[in-house]
Amino acid sequence: MGFFGFGIVLAPALGPAFGGILVDTFDWRAVFWLVLPFCGLGTFMAAIFMPPREEE
């Protein structure tokens, strides 16, 4: 429960600050490029850990 609460409190605190630094340093488009590695990692991990689909 504590780890879940930690993420709930930390994300709104750090997200806007990190986003502002990113936009000031690079450009507003950098916010969209930042999520691509996480999407790729999520797709890779899903392919490994999700069970195969059962065909009917």
Protein backbone atom coordinates (compact mmCIF):
# COMPACT_ATOMS: atom_id res chain seq x y z
CA MET A 1 0.00 0.00 0.00
CA GLY A 2 2.86 2.35 0.77
CA PHE A 3 4.52 1.82 -2.62
CA PHE A 4 1.24 2.54 -4.41
CA GLY A 5 0.74 5.70 -2.37
CA PHE A 6 4.32 6.76 -3.05
CA GLY A 7 3.74 6.62 -6.81
CA ILE A 8 0.44 8.46 -6.52
CA VAL A 9 2.08 11.31 -4.60
CA LEU A 10 5.38 11.41 -6.48
CA ALA A 11 4.10 11.50 -10.08
CA PRO A 12 2.04 14.72 -9.77
CA ALA A 13 4.90 16.33 -7.88
CA LEU A 14 7.71 15.51 -10.32
CA GLY A 15 5.83 15.26 -13.63
CA PRO A 16 5.14 18.95 -14.25
CA ALA A 17 8.61 19.97 -13.07
CA PHE A 18 10.34 17.43 -15.30
CA GLY A 19 8.07 18.32 -18.21
CA GLY A 20 8.85 22.01 -17.78
CA ILE A 21 12.58 21.37 -17.74
CA LEU A 22 12.26 19.19 -20.82
CA VAL A 23 10.26 21.82 -22.71
CA ASP A 24 12.61 24.64 -21.69
CA THR A 25 15.71 22.66 -22.63
CA PHE A 26 14.56 21.13 -25.92
CA ASP A 27 11.12 21.77 -27.41
CA TRP A 28 7.51 20.85 -26.72
CA ARG A 29 7.87 17.94 -29.18
CA ALA A 30 10.41 16.30 -26.87
CA VAL A 31 7.58 15.41 -24.48
CA PHE A 32 6.11 13.11 -27.13
CA TRP A 33 9.49 11.53 -27.96
CA LEU A 34 10.16 10.77 -24.30
CA VAL A 35 7.45 8.09 -24.09
CA LEU A 36 8.67 6.05 -27.08
CA PRO A 37 11.33 4.03 -25.17
CA PHE A 38 8.79 3.19 -22.47
CA CYS A 39 6.26 2.06 -25.09
CA GLY A 40 8.88 -0.12 -26.74
CA LEU A 41 9.90 -1.63 -23.40
CA GLY A 42 6.26 -2.28 -22.51
CA THR A 43 5.64 -4.00 -25.84
CA PHE A 44 8.76 -6.13 -25.41
CA MET A 45 7.87 -7.12 -21.83
CA ALA A 46 4.28 -7.93 -22.84
CA ALA A 47 5.53 -10.24 -25.58
CA ILE A 48 7.66 -12.09 -23.04
CA PHE A 49 5.43 -12.26 -19.96
CA MET A 50 1.85 -12.32 -21.25
CA PRO A 51 0.40 -15.78 -21.81
CA PRO A 52 -0.44 -16.72 -25.39
CA ARG A 53 -3.99 -16.25 -26.57
CA GLU A 54 -6.13 -19.38 -26.66
CA GLU A 55 -7.84 -19.87 -30.01
CA GLU A 56 -11.41 -21.16 -29.99
